[in-house]
Amino acid sequence: MAEEHHHHHLHHHKEEEVPGEVDYKKEEKHHKHLEHLGELGAAAAGAYALHEKHEAKKDPEHGHRHKVEEEIAAAAAAGAGGFAFHEHHEKKDSKKEDEEAHGKKHHHLFG
C-alpha cells in the first residue's frame, strides 16, 4: 500500500559523536556567543548610564534618582564587561583544549 521512499542526501555527516567526548568546537562557539552577549550588555548598560547622567543635568528636580540609576547602570556595564572578559578566556581555553586534543602543538619561539 504505502511505498517506502529512500532519500539519498548528498551532504556529508559529521563525525559520530562519542558519548562523554567533549565537542571543543561547539564549546568554543558557545563561549564566543556568550562573550558577544556580554559585550552587548556592557555597551547597552554604558549607554543607559550616559543617558541617565544627561537626564540628571537636564532634570535637576529628579537629579538624585537619575544619579542613582546612572551608578546602577555603570555597575551593570562593569559586570557585563567582566562577564565578556571571562567568556573570552573560556573561549581561548576551549580552543587550546581542542588543539591539544587533536595533536596541534604550540611552538613557543619567543618564550
PDB file of N, CA and C in Angstrom:
ATOM      1  N   MET A   1       0.811  -1.180   0.000  1.00  0.00           N
ATOM      2  CA  MET A   1       0.000   0.000   0.000  1.00  0.00           C
ATOM      3  C   MET A   1       0.860   1.252   0.000  1.00  0.00           C
ATOM      4  N   ALA A   2       1.434   1.570   1.161  1.00  0.00           N
ATOM      5  CA  ALA A   2       2.289   2.752   1.233  1.00  0.00           C
ATOM      6  C   ALA A   2       3.695   2.362   0.808  1.00  0.00           C
ATOM      7  N   GLU A   3       4.180   3.058  -0.192  1.00  0.00           N
ATOM      8  CA  GLU A   3       5.521   2.750  -0.671  1.00  0.00           C
ATOM      9  C   GLU A   3       6.540   3.475   0.196  1.00  0.00           C
ATOM     10  N   GLU A   4       7.646   2.802   0.450  1.00  0.00           N
ATOM     11  CA  GLU A   4       8.715   3.439   1.214  1.00  0.00           C
ATOM     12  C   GLU A   4       9.653   4.132   0.243  1.00  0.00           C
ATOM     13  N   HIS A   5      10.006   5.335   0.570  1.00  0.00           N
ATOM     14  CA  HIS A   5      10.943   6.087  -0.265  1.00  0.00           C
ATOM     15  C   HIS A   5      12.246   6.260   0.500  1.00  0.00           C
ATOM     16  N   HIS A   6      13.324   5.941  -0.144  1.00  0.00           N
ATOM     17  CA  HIS A   6      14.635   6.140   0.463  1.00  0.00           C
ATOM     18  C   HIS A   6      15.271   7.353  -0.192  1.00  0.00           C
ATOM     19  N   HIS A   7      15.571   8.335   0.613  1.00  0.00           N
ATOM     20  CA  HIS A   7      16.189   9.548   0.087  1.00  0.00           C
ATOM     21  C   HIS A   7      17.687   9.493   0.337  1.00  0.00           C
ATOM     22  N   HIS A   8      18.422   9.748  -0.685  1.00  0.00           N
ATOM     23  CA  HIS A   8      19.874   9.777  -0.552  1.00  0.00           C
ATOM     24  C   HIS A   8      20.311  11.227  -0.565  1.00  0.00           C
ATOM     25  N   HIS A   9      20.847  11.648   0.545  1.00  0.00           N
ATOM     26  CA  HIS A   9      21.284  13.034   0.670  1.00  0.00           C
ATOM     27  C   HIS A   9      22.749  13.143   0.278  1.00  0.00           C
ATOM     28  N   LEU A  10      23.069  14.243  -0.341  1.00  0.00           N
ATOM     29  CA  LEU A  10      24.435  14.429  -0.825  1.00  0.00           C
ATOM     30  C   LEU A  10      25.365  15.055   0.203  1.00  0.00           C
ATOM     31  N   HIS A  11      24.803  15.488   1.327  1.00  0.00           N
ATOM     32  CA  HIS A  11      25.685  16.114   2.318  1.00  0.00           C
ATOM     33  C   HIS A  11      26.393  15.042   3.145  1.00  0.00           C
ATOM     34  N   HIS A  12      27.535  15.426   3.661  1.00  0.00           N
ATOM     35  CA  HIS A  12      28.335  14.506   4.460  1.00  0.00           C
ATOM     36  C   HIS A  12      27.943  14.632   5.922  1.00  0.00           C
ATOM     37  N   HIS A  13      27.952  13.518   6.581  1.00  0.00           N
ATOM     38  CA  HIS A  13      27.655  13.532   8.007  1.00  0.00           C
ATOM     39  C   HIS A  13      28.922  13.857   8.774  1.00  0.00           C
ATOM     40  N   LYS A  14      28.738  14.598   9.864  1.00  0.00           N
ATOM     41  CA  LYS A  14      29.885  14.888  10.714  1.00  0.00           C
ATOM     42  C   LYS A  14      30.336  13.594  11.384  1.00  0.00           C
ATOM     43  N   GLU A  15      31.506  13.669  12.004  1.00  0.00           N
ATOM     44  CA  GLU A  15      31.996  12.502  12.725  1.00  0.00           C
ATOM     45  C   GLU A  15      30.971  12.109  13.775  1.00  0.00           C
ATOM     46  N   GLU A  16      30.868  10.817  14.009  1.00  0.00           N
ATOM     47  CA  GLU A  16      29.921  10.341  15.012  1.00  0.00           C
ATOM     48  C   GLU A  16      30.326  10.874  16.378  1.00  0.00           C
ATOM     49  N   GLU A  17      29.336  11.344  17.126  1.00  0.00           N
ATOM     50  CA  GLU A  17      29.628  11.858  18.462  1.00  0.00           C
ATOM     51  C   GLU A  17      29.795  10.696  19.420  1.00  0.00           C
ATOM     52  N   VAL A  18      30.872  10.723  20.155  1.00  0.00           N
ATOM     53  CA  VAL A  18      31.158   9.686  21.130  1.00  0.00           C
ATOM     54  C   VAL A  18      30.629  10.164  22.476  1.00  0.00           C
ATOM     55  N   PRO A  19      29.803   9.367  23.135  1.00  0.00           N
ATOM     56  CA  PRO A  19      29.303   9.795  24.448  1.00  0.00           C
ATOM     57  C   PRO A  19      30.447  10.057  25.411  1.00  0.00           C
ATOM     58  N   GLY A  20      30.375  11.144  26.121  1.00  0.00           N
ATOM     59  CA  GLY A  20      31.420  11.505  27.074  1.00  0.00           C
ATOM     60  C   GLY A  20      32.543  12.317  26.472  1.00  0.00           C
ATOM     61  N   GLU A  21      32.611  12.401  25.153  1.00  0.00           N
ATOM     62  CA  GLU A  21      33.659  13.187  24.499  1.00  0.00           C
ATOM     63  C   GLU A  21      33.189  14.627  24.357  1.00  0.00           C
ATOM     64  N   VAL A  22      34.062  15.560  24.666  1.00  0.00           N
ATOM     65  CA  VAL A  22      33.710  16.974  24.618  1.00  0.00           C
ATOM     66  C   VAL A  22      33.896  17.503  23.206  1.00  0.00           C
ATOM     67  N   ASP A  23      32.889  18.198  22.700  1.00  0.00           N
ATOM     68  CA  ASP A  23      32.985  18.840  21.387  1.00  0.00           C
ATOM     69  C   ASP A  23      33.543  20.244  21.627  1.00  0.00           C
ATOM     70  N   TYR A  24      34.859  20.387  21.516  1.00  0.00           N
ATOM     71  CA  TYR A  24      35.507  21.651  21.850  1.00  0.00           C
ATOM     72  C   TYR A  24      35.116  22.780  20.906  1.00  0.00           C
ATOM     73  N   LYS A  25      34.896  22.439  19.638  1.00  0.00           N
ATOM     74  CA  LYS A  25      34.494  23.481  18.679  1.00  0.00           C
ATOM     75  C   LYS A  25      33.137  24.053  19.071  1.00  0.00           C
ATOM     76  N   LYS A  26      32.221  23.184  19.466  1.00  0.00           N
ATOM     77  CA  LYS A  26      30.889  23.619  19.892  1.00  0.00           C
ATOM     78  C   LYS A  26      30.998  24.460  21.163  1.00  0.00           C
ATOM     79  N   GLU A  27      31.854  24.019  22.079  1.00  0.00           N
ATOM     80  CA  GLU A  27      32.068  24.753  23.324  1.00  0.00           C
ATOM     81  C   GLU A  27      32.684  26.123  23.048  1.00  0.00           C
ATOM     82  N   GLU A  28      33.643  26.173  22.133  1.00  0.00           N
ATOM     83  CA  GLU A  28      34.284  27.435  21.761  1.00  0.00           C
ATOM     84  C   GLU A  28      33.259  28.401  21.164  1.00  0.00           C
ATOM     85  N   LYS A  29      32.400  27.884  20.302  1.00  0.00           N
ATOM     86  CA  LYS A  29      31.358  28.699  19.686  1.00  0.00           C
ATOM     87  C   LYS A  29      30.378  29.217  20.745  1.00  0.00           C
ATOM     88  N   HIS A  30      30.045  28.361  21.713  1.00  0.00           N
ATOM     89  CA  HIS A  30      29.143  28.755  22.795  1.00  0.00           C
ATOM     90  C   HIS A  30      29.739  29.914  23.604  1.00  0.00           C
ATOM     91  N   HIS A  31      31.012  29.809  23.957  1.00  0.00           N
ATOM     92  CA  HIS A  31      31.667  30.870  24.722  1.00  0.00           C
ATOM     93  C   HIS A  31      31.797  32.152  23.905  1.00  0.00           C
ATOM     94  N   LYS A  32      32.018  32.028  22.604  1.00  0.00           N
ATOM     95  CA  LYS A  32      32.096  33.205  21.742  1.00  0.00           C
ATOM     96  C   LYS A  32      30.750  33.918  21.726  1.00  0.00           C
ATOM     97  N   HIS A  33      29.667  33.144  21.654  1.00  0.00           N
ATOM     98  CA  HIS A  33      28.322  33.716  21.672  1.00  0.00           C
ATOM     99  C   HIS A  33      28.072  34.454  22.994  1.00  0.00           C
ATOM    100  N   LEU A  34      28.433  33.819  24.106  1.00  0.00           N
ATOM    101  CA  LEU A  34      28.245  34.463  25.410  1.00  0.00           C
ATOM    102  C   LEU A  34      29.133  35.695  25.564  1.00  0.00           C
ATOM    103  N   GLU A  35      30.335  35.641  24.998  1.00  0.00           N
ATOM    104  CA  GLU A  35      31.227  36.805  25.031  1.00  0.00           C
ATOM    105  C   GLU A  35      30.571  37.985  24.321  1.00  0.00           C
ATOM    106  N   HIS A  36      29.990  37.720  23.157  1.00  0.00           N
ATOM    107  CA  HIS A  36      29.333  38.796  22.408  1.00  0.00           C
ATOM    108  C   HIS A  36      28.115  39.324  23.154  1.00  0.00           C
ATOM    109  N   LEU A  37      27.373  38.453  23.836  1.00  0.00           N
ATOM    110  CA  LEU A  37      26.243  38.916  24.640  1.00  0.00           C
ATOM    111  C   LEU A  37      26.722  39.814  25.781  1.00  0.00           C
ATOM    112  N   GLY A  38      27.832  39.444  26.389  1.00  0.00           N
ATOM    113  CA  GLY A  38      28.403  40.272  27.447  1.00  0.00           C
ATOM    114  C   GLY A  38      28.832  41.628  26.929  1.00  0.00           C
ATOM    115  N   GLU A  39      29.449  41.640  25.753  1.00  0.00           N
ATOM    116  CA  GLU A  39      29.851  42.913  25.140  1.00  0.00           C
ATOM    117  C   GLU A  39      28.640  43.785  24.846  1.00  0.00           C
ATOM    118  N   LEU A  40      27.591  43.171  24.320  1.00  0.00           N
ATOM    119  CA  LEU A  40      26.367  43.902  24.011  1.00  0.00           C
ATOM    120  C   LEU A  40      25.738  44.460  25.287  1.00  0.00           C
ATOM    121  N   GLY A  41      25.718  43.655  26.332  1.00  0.00           N
ATOM    122  CA  GLY A  41      25.179  44.109  27.621  1.00  0.00           C
ATOM    123  C   GLY A  41      25.981  45.262  28.185  1.00  0.00           C
ATOM    124  N   ALA A  42      27.287  45.185  28.065  1.00  0.00           N
ATOM    125  CA  ALA A  42      28.145  46.261  28.569  1.00  0.00           C
ATOM    126  C   ALA A  42      27.896  47.551  27.798  1.00  0.00           C
ATOM    127  N   ALA A  43      27.762  47.438  26.480  1.00  0.00           N
ATOM    128  CA  ALA A  43      27.509  48.624  25.659  1.00  0.00           C
ATOM    129  C   ALA A  43      26.148  49.229  25.978  1.00  0.00           C
ATOM    130  N   ALA A  44      25.138  48.386  26.117  1.00  0.00           N
ATOM    131  CA  ALA A  44      23.785  48.882  26.408  1.00  0.00           C
ATOM    132  C   ALA A  44      23.727  49.544  27.783  1.00  0.00           C
ATOM    133  N   ALA A  45      24.307  48.911  28.780  1.00  0.00           N
ATOM    134  CA  ALA A  45      24.287  49.474  30.132  1.00  0.00           C
ATOM    135  C   ALA A  45      25.111  50.759  30.191  1.00  0.00           C
ATOM    136  N   GLY A  46      26.219  50.801  29.470  1.00  0.00           N
ATOM    137  CA  GLY A  46      27.030  52.015  29.417  1.00  0.00           C
ATOM    138  C   GLY A  46      26.283  53.157  28.764  1.00  0.00           C
ATOM    139  N   ALA A  47      25.573  52.849  27.693  1.00  0.00           N
ATOM    140  CA  ALA A  47      24.776  53.875  27.020  1.00  0.00           C
ATOM    141  C   ALA A  47      23.668  54.383  27.940  1.00  0.00           C
ATOM    142  N   TYR A  48      23.049  53.477  28.680  1.00  0.00           N
ATOM    143  CA  TYR A  48      21.989  53.883  29.604  1.00  0.00           C
ATOM    144  C   TYR A  48      22.566  54.737  30.732  1.00  0.00           C
ATOM    145  N   ALA A  49      23.750  54.407  31.198  1.00  0.00           N
ATOM    146  CA  ALA A  49      24.390  55.215  32.243  1.00  0.00           C
ATOM    147  C   ALA A  49      24.647  56.629  31.734  1.00  0.00           C
ATOM    148  N   LEU A  50      25.126  56.754  30.501  1.00  0.00           N
ATOM    149  CA  LEU A  50      25.349  58.088  29.928  1.00  0.00           C
ATOM    150  C   LEU A  50      24.037  58.845  29.764  1.00  0.00           C
ATOM    151  N   HIS A  51      22.990  58.127  29.385  1.00  0.00           N
ATOM    152  CA  HIS A  51      21.666  58.744  29.256  1.00  0.00           C
ATOM    153  C   HIS A  51      21.198  59.287  30.608  1.00  0.00           C
ATOM    154  N   GLU A  52      21.366  58.495  31.655  1.00  0.00           N
ATOM    155  CA  GLU A  52      20.937  58.930  32.991  1.00  0.00           C
ATOM    156  C   GLU A  52      21.783  60.103  33.495  1.00  0.00           C
ATOM    157  N   LYS A  53      23.055  60.117  33.143  1.00  0.00           N
ATOM    158  CA  LYS A  53      23.914  61.244  33.522  1.00  0.00           C
ATOM    159  C   LYS A  53      23.389  62.514  32.869  1.00  0.00           C
ATOM    160  N   HIS A  54      22.999  62.410  31.600  1.00  0.00           N
ATOM    161  CA  HIS A  54      22.431  63.551  30.875  1.00  0.00           C
ATOM    162  C   HIS A  54      21.100  63.977  31.508  1.00  0.00           C
ATOM    163  N   GLU A  55      20.271  63.010  31.882  1.00  0.00           N
ATOM    164  CA  GLU A  55      18.977  63.305  32.496  1.00  0.00           C
ATOM    165  C   GLU A  55      19.145  63.992  33.844  1.00  0.00           C
ATOM    166  N   ALA A  56      20.170  63.622  34.589  1.00  0.00           N
ATOM    167  CA  ALA A  56      20.412  64.241  35.894  1.00  0.00           C
ATOM    168  C   ALA A  56      20.689  65.729  35.733  1.00  0.00           C
ATOM    169  N   LYS A  57      21.404  66.101  34.674  1.00  0.00           N
ATOM    170  CA  LYS A  57      21.692  67.515  34.421  1.00  0.00           C
ATOM    171  C   LYS A  57      20.461  68.234  33.874  1.00  0.00           C
ATOM    172  N   LYS A  58      19.719  67.555  33.025  1.00  0.00           N
ATOM    173  CA  LYS A  58      18.569  68.147  32.366  1.00  0.00           C
ATOM    174  C   LYS A  58      17.368  68.288  33.309  1.00  0.00           C
ATOM    175  N   ASP A  59      17.243  67.389  34.263  1.00  0.00           N
ATOM    176  CA  ASP A  59      16.089  67.336  35.168  1.00  0.00           C
ATOM    177  C   ASP A  59      16.564  67.397  36.624  1.00  0.00           C
ATOM    178  N   PRO A  60      16.987  68.595  37.078  1.00  0.00           N
ATOM    179  CA  PRO A  60      17.558  68.686  38.429  1.00  0.00           C
ATOM    180  C   PRO A  60      16.562  68.336  39.540  1.00  0.00           C
ATOM    181  N   GLU A  61      15.267  68.447  39.249  1.00  0.00           N
ATOM    182  CA  GLU A  61      14.259  68.113  40.259  1.00  0.00           C
ATOM    183  C   GLU A  61      14.335  66.635  40.656  1.00  0.00           C
ATOM    184  N   HIS A  62      14.672  65.786  39.698  1.00  0.00           N
ATOM    185  CA  HIS A  62      14.814  64.349  39.951  1.00  0.00           C
ATOM    186  C   HIS A  62      16.273  63.905  39.780  1.00  0.00           C
ATOM    187  N   GLY A  63      17.171  64.834  39.976  1.00  0.00           N
ATOM    188  CA  GLY A  63      18.588  64.578  39.736  1.00  0.00           C
ATOM    189  C   GLY A  63      19.152  63.430  40.545  1.00  0.00           C
ATOM    190  N   HIS A  64      18.735  63.333  41.824  1.00  0.00           N
ATOM    191  CA  HIS A  64      19.280  62.264  42.672  1.00  0.00           C
ATOM    192  C   HIS A  64      18.887  60.891  42.135  1.00  0.00           C
ATOM    193  N   ARG A  65      17.622  60.771  41.716  1.00  0.00           N
ATOM    194  CA  ARG A  65      17.159  59.497  41.155  1.00  0.00           C
ATOM    195  C   ARG A  65      17.962  59.140  39.907  1.00  0.00           C
ATOM    196  N   HIS A  66      18.175  60.106  39.028  1.00  0.00           N
ATOM    197  CA  HIS A  66      18.933  59.845  37.805  1.00  0.00           C
ATOM    198  C   HIS A  66      20.375  59.465  38.125  1.00  0.00           C
ATOM    199  N   LYS A  67      20.939  60.114  39.142  1.00  0.00           N
ATOM    200  CA  LYS A  67      22.318  59.806  39.530  1.00  0.00           C
ATOM    201  C   LYS A  67      22.417  58.361  40.043  1.00  0.00           C
ATOM    202  N   VAL A  68      21.425  57.937  40.843  1.00  0.00           N
ATOM    203  CA  VAL A  68      21.415  56.562  41.362  1.00  0.00           C
ATOM    204  C   VAL A  68      21.281  55.574  40.201  1.00  0.00           C
ATOM    205  N   GLU A  69      20.371  55.860  39.258  1.00  0.00           N
ATOM    206  CA  GLU A  69      20.202  54.973  38.113  1.00  0.00           C
ATOM    207  C   GLU A  69      21.452  54.943  37.237  1.00  0.00           C
ATOM    208  N   GLU A  70      22.130  56.068  37.135  1.00  0.00           N
ATOM    209  CA  GLU A  70      23.394  56.110  36.385  1.00  0.00           C
ATOM    210  C   GLU A  70      24.413  55.177  37.017  1.00  0.00           C
ATOM    211  N   GLU A  71      24.519  55.224  38.337  1.00  0.00           N
ATOM    212  CA  GLU A  71      25.504  54.390  39.029  1.00  0.00           C
ATOM    213  C   GLU A  71      25.158  52.913  38.928  1.00  0.00           C
ATOM    214  N   ILE A  72      23.875  52.594  39.000  1.00  0.00           N
ATOM    215  CA  ILE A  72      23.457  51.194  38.847  1.00  0.00           C
ATOM    216  C   ILE A  72      23.790  50.708  37.436  1.00  0.00           C
ATOM    217  N   ALA A  73      23.502  51.532  36.432  1.00  0.00           N
ATOM    218  CA  ALA A  73      23.795  51.154  35.050  1.00  0.00           C
ATOM    219  C   ALA A  73      25.301  51.009  34.830  1.00  0.00           C
ATOM    220  N   ALA A  74      26.075  51.877  35.464  1.00  0.00           N
ATOM    221  CA  ALA A  74      27.536  51.782  35.333  1.00  0.00           C
ATOM    222  C   ALA A  74      28.039  50.480  35.955  1.00  0.00           C
ATOM    223  N   ALA A  75      27.457  50.105  37.095  1.00  0.00           N
ATOM    224  CA  ALA A  75      27.851  48.841  37.729  1.00  0.00           C
ATOM    225  C   ALA A  75      27.459  47.654  36.850  1.00  0.00           C
ATOM    226  N   ALA A  76      26.275  47.727  36.244  1.00  0.00           N
ATOM    227  CA  ALA A  76      25.842  46.657  35.333  1.00  0.00           C
ATOM    228  C   ALA A  76      26.773  46.573  34.125  1.00  0.00           C
ATOM    229  N   ALA A  77      27.206  47.724  33.613  1.00  0.00           N
ATOM    230  CA  ALA A  77      28.130  47.746  32.475  1.00  0.00           C
ATOM    231  C   ALA A  77      29.463  47.093  32.858  1.00  0.00           C
ATOM    232  N   ALA A  78      29.933  47.402  34.054  1.00  0.00           N
ATOM    233  CA  ALA A  78      31.193  46.808  34.517  1.00  0.00           C
ATOM    234  C   ALA A  78      31.037  45.297  34.685  1.00  0.00           C
ATOM    235  N   GLY A  79      29.905  44.870  35.240  1.00  0.00           N
ATOM    236  CA  GLY A  79      29.661  43.435  35.410  1.00  0.00           C
ATOM    237  C   GLY A  79      29.578  42.715  34.081  1.00  0.00           C
ATOM    238  N   ALA A  80      28.871  43.308  33.130  1.00  0.00           N
ATOM    239  CA  ALA A  80      28.750  42.699  31.803  1.00  0.00           C
ATOM    240  C   ALA A  80      30.102  42.657  31.101  1.00  0.00           C
ATOM    241  N   GLY A  81      30.901  43.702  31.281  1.00  0.00           N
ATOM    242  CA  GLY A  81      32.250  43.705  30.714  1.00  0.00           C
ATOM    243  C   GLY A  81      33.107  42.608  31.320  1.00  0.00           C
ATOM    244  N   GLY A  82      32.977  42.417  32.621  1.00  0.00           N
ATOM    245  CA  GLY A  82      33.707  41.340  33.292  1.00  0.00           C
ATOM    246  C   GLY A  82      33.272  39.974  32.798  1.00  0.00           C
ATOM    247  N   PHE A  83      31.964  39.833  32.577  1.00  0.00           N
ATOM    248  CA  PHE A  83      31.445  38.572  32.049  1.00  0.00           C
ATOM    249  C   PHE A  83      31.993  38.308  30.647  1.00  0.00           C
ATOM    250  N   ALA A  84      32.026  39.345  29.811  1.00  0.00           N
ATOM    251  CA  ALA A  84      32.565  39.200  28.455  1.00  0.00           C
ATOM    252  C   ALA A  84      34.037  38.810  28.509  1.00  0.00           C
ATOM    253  N   PHE A  85      34.783  39.419  29.418  1.00  0.00           N
ATOM    254  CA  PHE A  85      36.205  39.102  29.592  1.00  0.00           C
ATOM    255  C   PHE A  85      36.379  37.641  30.020  1.00  0.00           C
ATOM    256  N   HIS A  86      35.537  37.215  30.967  1.00  0.00           N
ATOM    257  CA  HIS A  86      35.581  35.827  31.440  1.00  0.00           C
ATOM    258  C   HIS A  86      35.303  34.860  30.289  1.00  0.00           C
ATOM    259  N   GLU A  87      34.261  35.146  29.506  1.00  0.00           N
ATOM    260  CA  GLU A  87      33.908  34.262  28.398  1.00  0.00           C
ATOM    261  C   GLU A  87      34.983  34.258  27.317  1.00  0.00           C
ATOM    262  N   HIS A  88      35.665  35.384  27.129  1.00  0.00           N
ATOM    263  CA  HIS A  88      36.774  35.447  26.176  1.00  0.00           C
ATOM    264  C   HIS A  88      37.851  34.437  26.573  1.00  0.00           C
ATOM    265  N   HIS A  89      38.152  34.377  27.865  1.00  0.00           N
ATOM    266  CA  HIS A  89      39.179  33.441  28.329  1.00  0.00           C
ATOM    267  C   HIS A  89      38.685  31.999  28.291  1.00  0.00           C
ATOM    268  N   GLU A  90      37.399  31.783  28.552  1.00  0.00           N
ATOM    269  CA  GLU A  90      36.830  30.434  28.417  1.00  0.00           C
ATOM    270  C   GLU A  90      36.922  29.966  26.962  1.00  0.00           C
ATOM    271  N   LYS A  91      36.656  30.891  26.023  1.00  0.00           N
ATOM    272  CA  LYS A  91      36.740  30.576  24.595  1.00  0.00           C
ATOM    273  C   LYS A  91      38.176  30.202  24.232  1.00  0.00           C
ATOM    274  N   LYS A  92      39.145  30.977  24.731  1.00  0.00           N
ATOM    275  CA  LYS A  92      40.549  30.674  24.449  1.00  0.00           C
ATOM    276  C   LYS A  92      40.942  29.316  25.015  1.00  0.00           C
ATOM    277  N   ASP A  93      40.447  28.997  26.215  1.00  0.00           N
ATOM    278  CA  ASP A  93      40.754  27.707  26.832  1.00  0.00           C
ATOM    279  C   ASP A  93      40.164  26.560  26.013  1.00  0.00           C
ATOM    280  N   SER A  94      38.936  26.744  25.523  1.00  0.00           N
ATOM    281  CA  SER A  94      38.306  25.705  24.702  1.00  0.00           C
ATOM    282  C   SER A  94      39.090  25.481  23.418  1.00  0.00           C
ATOM    283  N   LYS A  95      39.548  26.570  22.816  1.00  0.00           N
ATOM    284  CA  LYS A  95      40.327  26.456  21.582  1.00  0.00           C
ATOM    285  C   LYS A  95      41.639  25.723  21.852  1.00  0.00           C
ATOM    286  N   LYS A  96      42.280  26.055  22.962  1.00  0.00           N
ATOM    287  CA  LYS A  96      43.546  25.418  23.322  1.00  0.00           C
ATOM    288  C   LYS A  96      43.333  23.923  23.591  1.00  0.00           C
ATOM    289  N   GLU A  97      42.241  23.588  24.303  1.00  0.00           N
ATOM    290  CA  GLU A  97      41.945  22.188  24.583  1.00  0.00           C
ATOM    291  C   GLU A  97      41.650  21.424  23.292  1.00  0.00           C
ATOM    292  N   ASP A  98      40.963  22.066  22.354  1.00  0.00           N
ATOM    293  CA  ASP A  98      40.673  21.442  21.071  1.00  0.00           C
ATOM    294  C   ASP A  98      41.967  21.154  20.322  1.00  0.00           C
ATOM    295  N   GLU A  99      42.869  22.126  20.316  1.00  0.00           N
ATOM    296  CA  GLU A  99      44.148  21.946  19.616  1.00  0.00           C
ATOM    297  C   GLU A  99      44.969  20.842  20.266  1.00  0.00           C
ATOM    298  N   GLU A 100      44.942  20.782  21.605  1.00  0.00           N
ATOM    299  CA  GLU A 100      45.692  19.736  22.294  1.00  0.00           C
ATOM    300  C   GLU A 100      45.080  18.365  22.041  1.00  0.00           C
ATOM    301  N   ALA A 101      43.747  18.306  21.979  1.00  0.00           N
ATOM    302  CA  ALA A 101      43.063  17.028  21.761  1.00  0.00           C
ATOM    303  C   ALA A 101      43.297  16.502  20.353  1.00  0.00           C
ATOM    304  N   HIS A 102      43.539  17.396  19.410  1.00  0.00           N
ATOM    305  CA  HIS A 102      43.727  16.980  18.034  1.00  0.00           C
ATOM    306  C   HIS A 102      45.186  17.049  17.594  1.00  0.00           C
ATOM    307  N   GLY A 103      46.100  17.113  18.535  1.00  0.00           N
ATOM    308  CA  GLY A 103      47.513  16.980  18.248  1.00  0.00           C
ATOM    309  C   GLY A 103      48.211  18.198  17.685  1.00  0.00           C
ATOM    310  N   LYS A 104      47.569  19.355  17.720  1.00  0.00           N
ATOM    311  CA  LYS A 104      48.251  20.557  17.243  1.00  0.00           C
ATOM    312  C   LYS A 104      49.160  21.047  18.358  1.00  0.00           C
ATOM    313  N   LYS A 105      50.393  21.282  18.005  1.00  0.00           N
ATOM    314  CA  LYS A 105      51.361  21.688  19.019  1.00  0.00           C
ATOM    315  C   LYS A 105      51.592  23.197  18.962  1.00  0.00           C
ATOM    316  N   HIS A 106      51.815  23.772  20.121  1.00  0.00           N
ATOM    317  CA  HIS A 106      52.161  25.177  20.199  1.00  0.00           C
ATOM    318  C   HIS A 106      53.686  25.284  20.215  1.00  0.00           C
ATOM    319  N   HIS A 107      54.219  26.011  19.293  1.00  0.00           N
ATOM    320  CA  HIS A 107      55.660  26.223  19.254  1.00  0.00           C
ATOM    321  C   HIS A 107      55.958  27.556  19.903  1.00  0.00           C
ATOM    322  N   HIS A 108      56.652  27.500  21.004  1.00  0.00           N
ATOM    323  CA  HIS A 108      56.999  28.728  21.710  1.00  0.00           C
ATOM    324  C   HIS A 108      58.364  29.189  21.239  1.00  0.00           C
ATOM    325  N   LEU A 109      58.350  30.060  20.245  1.00  0.00           N
ATOM    326  CA  LEU A 109      59.605  30.503  19.658  1.00  0.00           C
ATOM    327  C   LEU A 109      60.249  31.627  20.458  1.00  0.00           C
ATOM    328  N   PHE A 110      59.434  32.420  21.116  1.00  0.00           N
ATOM    329  CA  PHE A 110      59.976  33.593  21.791  1.00  0.00           C
ATOM    330  C   PHE A 110      59.797  33.503  23.297  1.00  0.00           C
ATOM    331  N   GLY A 111      59.804  32.324  23.869  1.00  0.00           N
ATOM    332  CA  GLY A 111      59.499  32.243  25.292  1.00  0.00           C
ATOM    333  C   GLY A 111      60.514  31.629  26.079  1.00  0.00           C
TER     334      GLY A 111
END
